[in-house]
Structure formats: structure tokens, C-alpha cells
Amino acid sequence: MCSQEKPQHYDPVHTKVGVIGLGYVGLPLALLFTKKGYHVTGIDIDATKVASLQQASSYIPDIENRELAQVLATNKLTFAADYSGIEDLDIIVICVPTPLASDNKPDLRYLKHVSEDLYPRLQEKQLVIVESSTYPGTTREVIQPILEKSNLIPGKTLHLAYSPERIDPGNKSLSIEEVPKIISGLSEQCLMRITAFYERVFNTIVPASSLEVAELAKLLENSYRFINISFINEMAMFCDKLGIDLWEAIATANTKPYGYQAFYPGPGIGGHCIPIDPLYLYWVGAQRGFHTQFLSLSEQMNQTITSYVIEQIKKLAETDKPISDAAIVLYGLSYKKDSNDVRSSPALDIMKALIQTGANVSYHDPHVPSVEVGQTLYSSQPLTKELLEKADLVAILTDHSNLPITSILEHAKVVYDTKNVTKGYKSKAKTVVLGGGVTHYLADGKS
């Protein structure tokens, strides 16, 4: 079927799509393609994930089991734990992770492994789209040479394109198809192919003149956020020294209708994109003899703010006893609000550091039922009155929507708030806000 030229419009009736990598990017994309009428095969070498999905059991908060079951009932979505059906697909979308190696260099092993598994199965005129975030030059210099081993010619007899994912887990204000989609192709023909497909899926497509421009655009977006969040975290530590409320200063500055965008402090930057993508950019710059100073300083600050939060927690928890005897409760381990994603979460670093002091550390996160720290498995504890009253300190590290702030302030002794969620509440607890400049302490309702 795929050996002949396909109609350029990629109509859903005659087009089969495969999505490789069923994580926070791949699974939502697979469902979106299905909803647009395409027959989709979701592929992941993790057989446990595939088995879960086949039973309509979702492991991603943004996708409910009911939604997954409804899509499966259409018989337009199937799942596989191998690449046996690649030959029958018209379009292959790659959404595998691109993490950092231990030395902070790009780790492209997943992209390389997928490319190696694909090339013996590729057919003429198939379209391969890479969605994984990566440094400029990856698609052309790393993936293309591997696919060329198929004896097909990328750009001519095989279509190769790059379109960086822009999925924001937990964001309910925009659906996936509403976010403008950057697209690029190895050749003009490749660009025409990805345009023909994605213009049927997304409301707006944004063609880039080259693969490298599209690759850089994604890293630029996340580096912008990385730098500004790191800067505002530095301001939080600065304002603690000055005794000035940074959160109020941000709100005041944000009244300016132009030239300012608000960023907010926290215990550090987590997730798979923002703390990683800028270091891909830093690495590729170093390969060409260019030192990106802002990225380097921002990475240092991202490490510093987490260490600062750890020291603040230790100081507040050991007022009348050594930290090794303190009981500490952490609220929130995921790196962002209303998510179960703990990848690169600073909360895990904080938890690990506190455990190493000998403190009795427990956590509550409604989205993270269990987590492994070191070689020990910890379970989320019910946030009971007894747990809060026994704690020497409760640290709020993630601002989930269902955060029981009133109960925490009613029963805890000391609260360290890294998200400014306690503002405006009366509290029996001694409450310290990261970057708040002052202690918000209302003993028995009296200021």
C-alpha cells in the first residue's frame, strides 16, 4: 500500500498513522489523530503501558479512562509493543524522550534506537515526523543518516520532517489542536507532506524554513522560561534578605500593560523540558566554541534555589530540636500543579536531602501515590489532623488545586510556603513564604 505515492491531502479514510512513544506527548497526540478520523497505532516498547492502555486504563492525568475507552470503542486506535506493523503505515510520528546524560550532555539513545528499529521496515513515500525536543542539527545529522540505511532517499523517496511538541500537561485553557504547530521538512516536498497532514489536525500551522530553525525554536521557548524563572528565584532569595514581599512586587509590576511578563518563584524548575532543553542548547553551543553565559548562570541558579529551600526547611524545623529528630511533611512532589509527573522534580531532591539528615520525612500528593527515593519506596500519606499536628514543619512544594490550605494552617506548627498559597489566610501556624520577605504569623487569629 505504501509503495505508491499517496494523495497529498492525507485524508483520514485512507491514511494510517503510527505514534511511537506513548508518554505525556505521544498518547495525547495519538488520541487527537484518532478524533480527527485517522486510524492510529500507538507503539511503545513498554509492554506494561501497552497492556494498561488496551484495558482503557490511563496513566496520564490529562486523559481520563472514560475518554480512552470511548476512543478505543471506535476501533480506530490500537496499541502495540513492537514495530511489526510499521510497513503498513503512511505516517510515523516519533515522540520518545530526549533526556540528559549524567554529564549533562544530550542523551539521544531513544531517538537512535527508534531510528535503528525503523529503517529496515520503512517503505517508499512514508512520512516520518520527529516530535522529540532536541538540539539544532539532530534530525539532519543524527536521524537522517540512520534512515538512509533503508536505501531510501530522505527528502525524495522518504519524507522526513520535524515538528516540536508543544503539549503543556495540565493546561486546561487550550486544547492541543489550538496551540500553533511549528513544522519543517528536510526538503520542500517533505514540508508539503507534513503541511498536508498537520493542517487537518491543528488549527494553525507555522512553517519554518529549515529543520534547524524548528529545532531551535523549541529550545528558545523553554530557554526563555528557564532564564526568567531562574532570575525570579534569585529575586526571591534577595527579597528574603531585604524583607520585601516579592510576590506583591510582581503583582505590582504586572499592572504595566507592556514590556513585562510575570514569572513566579518556587523550589526549582522540574519536568522533562524546561530544565533539560536549555542544556541541549548549551551543549551544542559548546561544540562550536560558544559559551552561552545566561544558560550557564540560570542552571547554577536553578540548583541554588533548591539548596536554599532545603536550608530554609532545616532552619525552620530545628528551632528546638536537631533536624535528625524533626518530623517534616512535604505537600506535593510533582514538578507542577495538578500533575503526576515527577521527572526532574525539585521536590524529590528536597525530600532526598532531608531524609539524608535523618529527619522523619513523609509526603502527601494526591497525584503521586508512591515514589522511590534512593532505594526506598514511599507512599503518599493521608493529610490527617494527627499527621499535621505531629509535624515540626509542613513544606508546600506544589500548589495543587485541591490543596487543603485551611486544614494545614489550622493544625500545623510551622508552614514553609514556596508557592504563596497561604496569602490572605488566617493561621495558627508560623507561616514563612519563599520570597515573602516577612513571616505571616497570626497566632490564634491575632496578628
Protein backbone atom coordinates (compact mmCIF):
# COMPACT_ATOMS: atom_id res chain seq x y z
CA MET A 1 0.00 0.00 0.00
CA CYS A 2 2.74 2.43 0.96
CA SER A 3 4.92 1.73 -2.04
CA GLN A 4 2.87 4.09 -4.20
CA GLU A 5 2.58 7.86 -3.91
CA LYS A 6 -0.24 8.82 -1.58
CA PRO A 7 -2.74 11.61 -2.15
CA GLN A 8 -1.11 14.72 -0.75
CA HIS A 9 -4.16 15.64 1.29
CA TYR A 10 -3.76 12.63 3.64
CA ASP A 11 -7.48 12.08 4.03
CA PRO A 12 -8.35 10.14 7.21
CA VAL A 13 -10.14 7.37 5.34
CA HIS A 14 -7.03 6.19 3.50
CA THR A 15 -4.25 7.23 5.90
CA LYS A 16 -2.76 5.12 8.68
CA VAL A 17 -0.74 6.86 11.39
CA GLY A 18 1.67 5.42 13.92
CA VAL A 19 2.79 7.19 17.10
CA ILE A 20 5.97 5.88 18.72
CA GLY A 21 6.32 6.68 22.43
CA LEU A 22 3.12 6.85 24.48
CA GLY A 23 4.08 9.28 27.21
CA TYR A 24 2.86 12.77 28.04
CA VAL A 25 3.26 13.78 24.38
CA GLY A 26 2.65 10.67 22.33
CA LEU A 27 -0.55 9.44 23.97
CA PRO A 28 -2.44 12.75 23.72
CA LEU A 29 -1.31 13.05 20.07
CA ALA A 30 -2.50 9.51 19.31
CA LEU A 31 -5.93 10.34 20.72
CA LEU A 32 -6.04 13.64 18.83
CA PHE A 33 -5.24 11.96 15.50
CA THR A 34 -7.95 9.39 16.17
CA LYS A 35 -10.51 12.06 16.97
CA LYS A 36 -9.64 13.71 13.65
CA GLY A 37 -10.69 10.49 11.95
CA TYR A 38 -7.35 8.76 11.38
CA HIS A 39 -6.62 5.10 12.04
CA VAL A 40 -3.83 5.19 14.61
CA THR A 41 -1.43 2.64 16.04
CA GLY A 42 0.20 3.67 19.30
CA ILE A 43 3.57 1.98 19.79
CA ASP A 44 5.60 1.72 22.98
CA ILE A 45 8.21 -0.89 23.85
CA ASP A 46 6.99 -0.77 27.47
CA ALA A 47 4.59 -3.71 27.37
CA THR A 48 3.11 -2.71 30.75
CA LYS A 49 2.00 0.64 29.33
CA VAL A 50 0.52 -1.01 26.27
CA ALA A 51 -1.39 -3.55 28.36
CA SER A 52 -2.77 -0.75 30.53
CA LEU A 53 -3.93 1.25 27.53
CA GLN A 54 -5.54 -1.77 25.92
CA GLN A 55 -7.65 -2.06 29.07
CA ALA A 56 -8.60 1.64 28.80
CA SER A 57 -6.55 2.45 31.89
CA SER A 58 -4.73 5.78 31.53
CA TYR A 59 -1.56 6.68 33.43
CA ILE A 60 -1.68 10.33 32.36
CA PRO A 61 -3.92 12.72 34.37
CA ASP A 62 -4.98 14.72 31.30
CA ILE A 63 -6.53 11.59 29.75
CA GLU A 64 -9.41 10.01 31.63
CA ASN A 65 -10.18 6.31 31.42
CA ARG A 66 -13.63 7.13 30.07
CA GLU A 67 -12.16 9.16 27.23
CA LEU A 68 -9.71 6.40 26.37
CA ALA A 69 -12.48 3.77 26.39
CA GLN A 70 -14.62 5.88 24.07
CA VAL A 71 -11.80 6.21 21.55
CA LEU A 72 -10.96 2.50 21.73
CA ALA A 73 -14.62 1.70 21.04
CA THR A 74 -14.32 3.37 17.62
CA ASN A 75 -11.80 0.68 16.56
CA LYS A 76 -9.63 3.43 15.10
CA LEU A 77 -7.00 3.23 17.83
CA THR A 78 -4.87 0.19 18.59
CA PHE A 79 -1.75 -0.29 20.66
CA ALA A 80 1.38 -2.38 20.10
CA ALA A 81 4.60 -3.13 21.98
CA ASP A 82 6.67 -3.74 18.85
CA TYR A 83 7.29 -2.37 15.36
CA SER A 84 5.78 -5.23 13.36
CA GLY A 85 3.12 -3.06 11.67
CA ILE A 86 5.40 -0.20 10.57
CA GLU A 87 5.36 -1.31 6.91
CA ASP A 88 1.61 -0.64 6.65
CA LEU A 89 1.71 2.91 7.99
CA ASP A 90 1.66 6.08 5.91
CA ILE A 91 2.85 8.44 8.66
CA ILE A 92 5.13 7.70 11.62
CA VAL A 93 5.32 10.23 14.47
CA ILE A 94 8.22 9.85 16.91
CA CYS A 95 7.63 11.10 20.47
CA VAL A 96 10.34 9.41 22.54
CA PRO A 97 12.19 11.09 25.43
CA THR A 98 15.39 13.10 24.93
CA PRO A 99 16.84 13.30 28.45
CA LEU A 100 20.22 14.43 29.69
CA ALA A 101 23.07 12.04 30.35
CA SER A 102 24.77 12.08 33.76
CA ASP A 103 27.32 14.60 32.44
CA ASN A 104 24.53 16.95 31.25
CA LYS A 105 25.14 16.08 27.60
CA PRO A 106 22.23 15.22 25.28
CA ASP A 107 21.13 11.61 25.55
CA LEU A 108 19.75 10.63 22.14
CA ARG A 109 19.72 6.89 22.70
CA TYR A 110 15.92 6.61 22.43
CA LEU A 111 15.82 8.54 19.16
CA LYS A 112 18.70 6.47 17.82
CA HIS A 113 17.15 3.17 18.90
CA VAL A 114 13.84 4.04 17.26
CA SER A 115 15.60 5.09 14.06
CA GLU A 116 17.58 1.85 14.01
CA ASP A 117 14.40 -0.18 14.52
CA LEU A 118 12.56 1.77 11.85
CA TYR A 119 14.92 1.80 8.89
CA PRO A 120 14.68 -1.92 7.95
CA ARG A 121 10.88 -1.59 7.86
CA LEU A 122 10.49 1.74 6.06
CA GLN A 123 8.59 1.92 2.80
CA GLU A 124 8.81 4.36 -0.07
CA LYS A 125 6.91 7.63 0.37
CA GLN A 126 6.27 7.18 4.09
CA LEU A 127 6.37 10.36 6.17
CA VAL A 128 8.47 10.29 9.35
CA ILE A 129 7.86 13.17 11.77
CA VAL A 130 10.13 13.75 14.77
CA GLU A 131 8.38 15.49 17.70
CA SER A 132 11.02 14.98 20.40
CA SER A 133 12.70 18.16 21.65
CA THR A 134 16.34 18.22 20.62
CA TYR A 135 19.24 20.44 19.61
CA PRO A 136 19.55 22.05 16.14
CA GLY A 137 21.05 19.57 13.70
CA THR A 138 19.74 16.37 15.27
CA THR A 139 17.23 15.45 12.57
CA ARG A 140 19.62 16.12 9.71
CA GLU A 141 22.88 14.93 11.28
CA VAL A 142 21.75 12.05 13.52
CA ILE A 143 18.42 10.67 12.35
CA GLN A 144 18.74 11.13 8.58
CA PRO A 145 21.96 9.03 8.26
CA ILE A 146 20.32 6.15 10.12
CA LEU A 147 17.18 6.23 7.98
CA GLU A 148 19.32 6.34 4.84
CA LYS A 149 20.42 2.78 5.63
CA SER A 150 16.96 1.76 4.36
CA ASN A 151 18.25 2.51 0.81
CA LEU A 152 15.52 5.13 0.58
CA ILE A 153 16.49 8.75 0.00
CA PRO A 154 15.26 11.10 2.75
CA GLY A 155 13.83 14.18 1.14
CA LYS A 156 12.92 12.31 -2.05
CA THR A 157 11.71 8.74 -1.71
CA LEU A 158 11.26 9.04 2.06
CA HIS A 159 9.71 12.11 3.68
CA LEU A 160 11.41 13.38 6.84
CA ALA A 161 10.05 16.26 8.94
CA TYR A 162 10.47 17.87 12.33
CA SER A 163 7.68 19.39 14.43
CA PRO A 164 8.50 20.13 18.09
CA GLU A 165 5.85 19.13 20.60
CA ARG A 166 4.18 21.99 22.45
CA ILE A 167 1.97 20.00 24.81
CA ASP A 168 1.55 21.56 28.24
CA PRO A 169 0.41 18.84 30.69
CA GLY A 170 -2.34 20.03 33.00
CA ASN A 171 -3.21 23.07 30.89
CA LYS A 172 -6.99 23.11 30.52
CA SER A 173 -7.24 26.52 28.86
CA LEU A 174 -6.02 25.35 25.44
CA SER A 175 -6.65 22.09 23.65
CA ILE A 176 -3.73 20.50 21.78
CA GLU A 177 -5.01 21.48 18.36
CA GLU A 178 -5.42 25.13 19.42
CA VAL A 179 -1.69 25.58 20.04
CA PRO A 180 0.03 26.77 16.82
CA LYS A 181 2.10 23.90 15.39
CA ILE A 182 5.64 24.55 14.17
CA ILE A 183 6.52 22.38 11.18
CA SER A 184 9.59 21.88 9.00
CA GLY A 185 10.83 19.45 6.38
CA LEU A 186 14.11 18.08 5.05
CA SER A 187 13.06 19.19 1.58
CA GLU A 188 10.28 21.25 0.04
CA GLN A 189 8.45 18.04 -0.74
CA CYS A 190 8.77 16.93 2.90
CA LEU A 191 7.40 20.26 4.08
CA MET A 192 4.46 19.88 1.72
CA ARG A 193 3.79 16.44 3.17
CA ILE A 194 3.77 17.45 6.83
CA THR A 195 1.70 20.53 5.92
CA ALA A 196 -0.89 18.34 4.21
CA PHE A 197 -1.18 16.18 7.32
CA TYR A 198 -0.98 18.69 10.17
CA GLU A 199 -3.26 21.29 8.59
CA ARG A 200 -6.02 18.71 9.03
CA VAL A 201 -5.14 18.25 12.71
CA PHE A 202 -4.15 21.65 14.11
CA ASN A 203 -5.94 24.98 13.82
CA THR A 204 -2.75 26.85 12.91
CA ILE A 205 0.50 25.63 11.42
CA VAL A 206 3.72 27.66 11.42
CA PRO A 207 6.17 26.57 8.69
CA ALA A 208 9.87 27.05 9.44
CA SER A 209 12.39 27.45 6.65
CA SER A 210 14.58 24.59 7.90
CA LEU A 211 14.70 21.70 10.33
CA GLU A 212 17.26 23.62 12.39
CA VAL A 213 15.03 26.67 12.80
CA ALA A 214 12.20 24.49 14.10
CA GLU A 215 14.55 22.63 16.45
CA LEU A 216 15.97 25.89 17.78
CA ALA A 217 12.52 27.46 18.21
CA LYS A 218 11.50 24.83 20.77
CA LEU A 219 14.71 25.23 22.76
CA LEU A 220 14.37 29.00 22.54
CA GLU A 221 10.88 28.88 24.05
CA ASN A 222 11.98 26.81 27.03
CA SER A 223 15.29 28.64 27.50
CA TYR A 224 13.36 31.91 27.76
CA ARG A 225 11.29 30.45 30.59
CA PHE A 226 14.33 28.80 32.17
CA ILE A 227 16.24 32.06 32.36
CA ASN A 228 13.34 34.12 33.67
CA ILE A 229 12.26 31.60 36.30
CA SER A 230 15.86 31.30 37.48
CA PHE A 231 16.06 35.10 37.68
CA ILE A 232 12.88 35.40 39.72
CA ASN A 233 14.13 32.66 42.07
CA GLU A 234 17.26 34.72 42.66
CA MET A 235 14.99 37.68 43.43
CA ALA A 236 13.12 35.51 45.98
CA MET A 237 16.31 34.88 47.93
CA PHE A 238 17.25 38.55 47.56
CA CYS A 239 13.87 39.72 48.87
CA ASP A 240 14.13 37.38 51.85
CA LYS A 241 17.30 39.31 52.75
CA LEU A 242 15.68 42.70 52.12
CA GLY A 243 12.48 41.90 53.99
CA ILE A 244 10.38 42.84 50.94
CA ASP A 245 7.45 40.80 49.63
CA LEU A 246 8.48 39.73 46.11
CA TRP A 247 5.03 38.35 45.33
CA GLU A 248 3.47 41.76 45.93
CA ALA A 249 6.22 43.40 43.87
CA ILE A 250 5.48 41.01 40.98
CA ALA A 251 1.76 41.76 41.15
CA THR A 252 2.50 45.48 41.22
CA ALA A 253 4.90 45.31 38.27
CA ASN A 254 2.37 43.22 36.35
CA THR A 255 -0.01 46.17 36.17
CA LYS A 256 2.17 47.56 33.38
CA PRO A 257 0.34 46.84 30.10
CA TYR A 258 3.50 46.39 28.06
CA GLY A 259 7.13 45.32 28.39
CA TYR A 260 6.68 42.99 31.36
CA GLN A 261 5.69 39.34 31.82
CA ALA A 262 5.20 37.89 35.27
CA PHE A 263 7.24 34.88 36.40
CA TYR A 264 6.93 33.38 39.86
CA PRO A 265 9.42 31.78 42.27
CA GLY A 266 9.35 28.22 43.52
CA PRO A 267 11.58 25.44 44.86
CA GLY A 268 13.22 24.86 41.48
CA ILE A 269 12.46 24.01 37.87
CA GLY A 270 11.31 20.50 37.05
CA GLY A 271 9.80 18.41 34.28
CA HIS A 272 11.19 16.95 31.10
CA CYS A 273 11.51 20.17 29.10
CA ILE A 274 12.45 23.40 30.86
CA PRO A 275 15.40 22.15 32.94
CA ILE A 276 16.68 19.99 30.07
CA ASP A 277 16.15 21.76 26.74
CA PRO A 278 18.35 24.77 27.60
CA LEU A 279 21.23 22.41 28.37
CA TYR A 280 20.85 20.89 24.92
CA LEU A 281 21.31 24.42 23.59
CA TYR A 282 24.27 24.99 25.92
CA TRP A 283 25.90 21.77 24.71
CA VAL A 284 25.52 22.48 21.01
CA GLY A 285 26.96 25.95 21.59
CA ALA A 286 29.97 24.47 23.39
CA GLN A 287 30.54 22.11 20.46
CA ARG A 288 31.03 25.18 18.30
CA GLY A 289 33.18 27.05 20.76
CA PHE A 290 30.46 29.37 22.07
CA HIS A 291 29.72 29.67 25.79
CA THR A 292 26.08 30.61 26.47
CA GLN A 293 26.52 32.56 29.70
CA PHE A 294 22.86 33.18 30.51
CA LEU A 295 22.06 29.48 30.29
CA SER A 296 25.07 28.60 32.44
CA LEU A 297 24.13 31.11 35.13
CA SER A 298 20.49 30.03 35.04
CA GLU A 299 21.45 26.39 35.54
CA GLN A 300 23.54 27.40 38.55
CA MET A 301 20.64 29.39 39.98
CA ASN A 302 18.21 26.51 39.45
CA GLN A 303 20.47 24.34 41.60
CA THR A 304 20.95 27.14 44.15
CA ILE A 305 17.26 27.78 44.77
CA THR A 306 16.62 24.12 45.60
CA SER A 307 19.55 24.09 48.02
CA TYR A 308 18.25 27.34 49.54
CA VAL A 309 14.79 25.84 50.11
CA ILE A 310 16.36 22.79 51.77
CA GLU A 311 18.34 25.02 54.15
CA GLN A 312 15.26 27.11 54.94
CA ILE A 313 13.27 23.99 55.80
CA LYS A 314 16.07 22.67 58.01
CA LYS A 315 16.41 26.00 59.82
CA LEU A 316 12.68 26.32 60.46
CA ALA A 317 12.27 22.68 61.52
CA GLU A 318 15.10 22.52 64.05
CA THR A 319 14.28 25.51 66.26
CA ASP A 320 14.03 23.44 69.46
CA LYS A 321 15.50 20.11 68.32
CA PRO A 322 18.14 18.82 65.90
CA ILE A 323 16.99 18.22 62.34
CA SER A 324 17.63 14.49 62.79
CA ASP A 325 14.77 14.40 65.32
CA ALA A 326 12.39 16.58 63.30
CA ALA A 327 9.21 15.35 61.62
CA ILE A 328 8.68 17.01 58.25
CA VAL A 329 5.69 16.72 55.93
CA LEU A 330 6.06 17.70 52.28
CA TYR A 331 2.96 18.66 50.35
CA GLY A 332 3.38 17.97 46.63
CA LEU A 333 6.12 16.01 44.85
CA SER A 334 5.17 16.56 41.21
CA TYR A 335 7.02 19.34 39.44
CA LYS A 336 3.87 21.23 38.50
CA LYS A 337 0.31 21.81 39.61
CA ASP A 338 -2.28 19.03 39.13
CA SER A 339 0.20 16.66 37.51
CA ASN A 340 1.64 13.27 38.47
CA ASP A 341 4.90 14.00 36.63
CA VAL A 342 7.90 13.83 38.98
CA ARG A 343 10.59 13.92 36.29
CA SER A 344 13.41 16.22 37.46
CA SER A 345 11.12 17.46 40.21
CA PRO A 346 13.00 19.62 42.74
CA ALA A 347 10.66 18.27 45.42
CA LEU A 348 12.33 14.87 45.07
CA ASP A 349 15.76 16.45 45.58
CA ILE A 350 14.43 18.24 48.64
CA MET A 351 12.91 15.06 50.03
CA LYS A 352 16.12 13.09 49.44
CA ALA A 353 18.28 15.75 51.10
CA LEU A 354 16.04 15.90 54.17
CA ILE A 355 15.96 12.11 54.50
CA GLN A 356 19.76 12.10 54.44
CA THR A 357 19.79 14.39 57.50
CA GLY A 358 17.99 11.67 59.44
CA ALA A 359 14.72 13.61 59.64
CA ASN A 360 11.42 11.73 59.67
CA VAL A 361 10.09 12.77 56.24
CA SER A 362 6.67 11.95 54.85
CA TYR A 363 4.75 13.41 51.95
CA HIS A 364 1.26 13.88 50.59
CA ASP A 365 0.46 14.25 46.91
CA PRO A 366 -2.97 13.27 45.56
CA HIS A 367 -1.45 12.71 42.12
CA VAL A 368 1.63 10.70 43.18
CA PRO A 369 0.53 7.66 45.22
CA SER A 370 4.07 6.36 45.65
CA VAL A 371 7.63 7.30 44.77
CA GLU A 372 11.06 5.77 45.11
CA VAL A 373 13.70 7.88 46.81
CA GLY A 374 17.10 6.31 46.96
CA GLN A 375 16.18 2.65 47.10
CA THR A 376 13.18 3.08 49.37
CA LEU A 377 9.56 3.24 48.24
CA TYR A 378 7.48 5.92 49.97
CA SER A 379 3.71 6.19 49.84
CA SER A 380 1.61 9.32 49.99
CA GLN A 381 0.24 9.72 53.50
CA PRO A 382 -3.28 10.96 54.26
CA LEU A 383 -3.08 14.57 55.34
CA THR A 384 -4.81 13.96 58.65
CA LYS A 385 -5.07 16.25 61.64
CA GLU A 386 -2.77 13.88 63.55
CA LEU A 387 -0.07 13.93 60.86
CA LEU A 388 -0.11 17.73 60.68
CA GLU A 389 -0.05 18.21 64.45
CA LYS A 390 2.90 15.84 64.90
CA ALA A 391 4.92 17.56 62.18
CA ASP A 392 7.55 20.09 63.18
CA LEU A 393 7.17 21.63 59.74
CA VAL A 394 4.94 21.34 56.69
CA ALA A 395 6.52 22.46 53.41
CA ILE A 396 4.26 23.32 50.47
CA LEU A 397 6.20 22.49 47.31
CA THR A 398 3.39 22.12 44.74
CA ASP A 399 0.21 24.17 44.54
CA HIS A 400 -2.32 21.51 43.53
CA SER A 401 -5.88 22.76 43.08
CA ASN A 402 -7.20 20.62 45.94
CA LEU A 403 -4.58 21.76 48.42
CA PRO A 404 -6.31 21.80 51.86
CA ILE A 405 -4.69 25.04 52.93
CA THR A 406 -7.15 25.83 55.74
CA SER A 407 -6.56 22.48 57.42
CA ILE A 408 -2.78 22.82 57.10
CA LEU A 409 -2.78 26.28 58.66
CA GLU A 410 -5.16 25.15 61.40
CA HIS A 411 -3.17 22.14 62.59
CA ALA A 412 0.49 22.61 61.61
CA LYS A 413 3.07 24.29 63.84
CA VAL A 414 5.23 25.78 61.10
CA VAL A 415 4.45 26.09 57.39
CA TYR A 416 7.04 26.89 54.74
CA ASP A 417 5.19 28.03 51.63
CA THR A 418 7.16 28.07 48.37
CA LYS A 419 4.10 28.93 46.26
CA ASN A 420 2.50 31.82 48.15
CA VAL A 421 -0.76 29.88 48.55
CA THR A 422 -1.14 30.94 52.19
CA LYS A 423 -1.57 34.62 51.39
CA GLY A 424 -4.81 36.03 52.78
CA TYR A 425 -5.45 33.13 55.16
CA LYS A 426 -5.54 33.42 58.94
CA SER A 427 -3.18 30.96 60.51
CA LYS A 428 -2.36 29.43 63.86
CA ALA A 429 0.87 28.21 62.32
CA LYS A 430 4.04 30.20 61.91
CA THR A 431 3.98 30.68 58.15
CA VAL A 432 7.02 31.65 56.10
CA VAL A 433 6.73 32.32 52.38
CA LEU A 434 9.63 31.90 49.95
CA GLY A 435 10.38 35.43 48.76
CA GLY A 436 7.68 36.77 51.06
CA GLY A 437 10.16 38.92 52.93
CA VAL A 438 8.23 38.62 56.19
CA THR A 439 6.70 35.91 58.35
CA HIS A 440 2.91 35.81 58.09
CA TYR A 441 2.01 34.76 61.59
CA LEU A 442 -1.45 35.11 63.05
CA ALA A 443 -1.42 33.30 66.40
CA ASP A 444 -4.97 32.38 67.43
CA GLY A 445 -6.23 34.70 64.72
CA LYS A 446 -4.35 37.71 66.05
CA SER A 447 -1.66 39.42 64.03
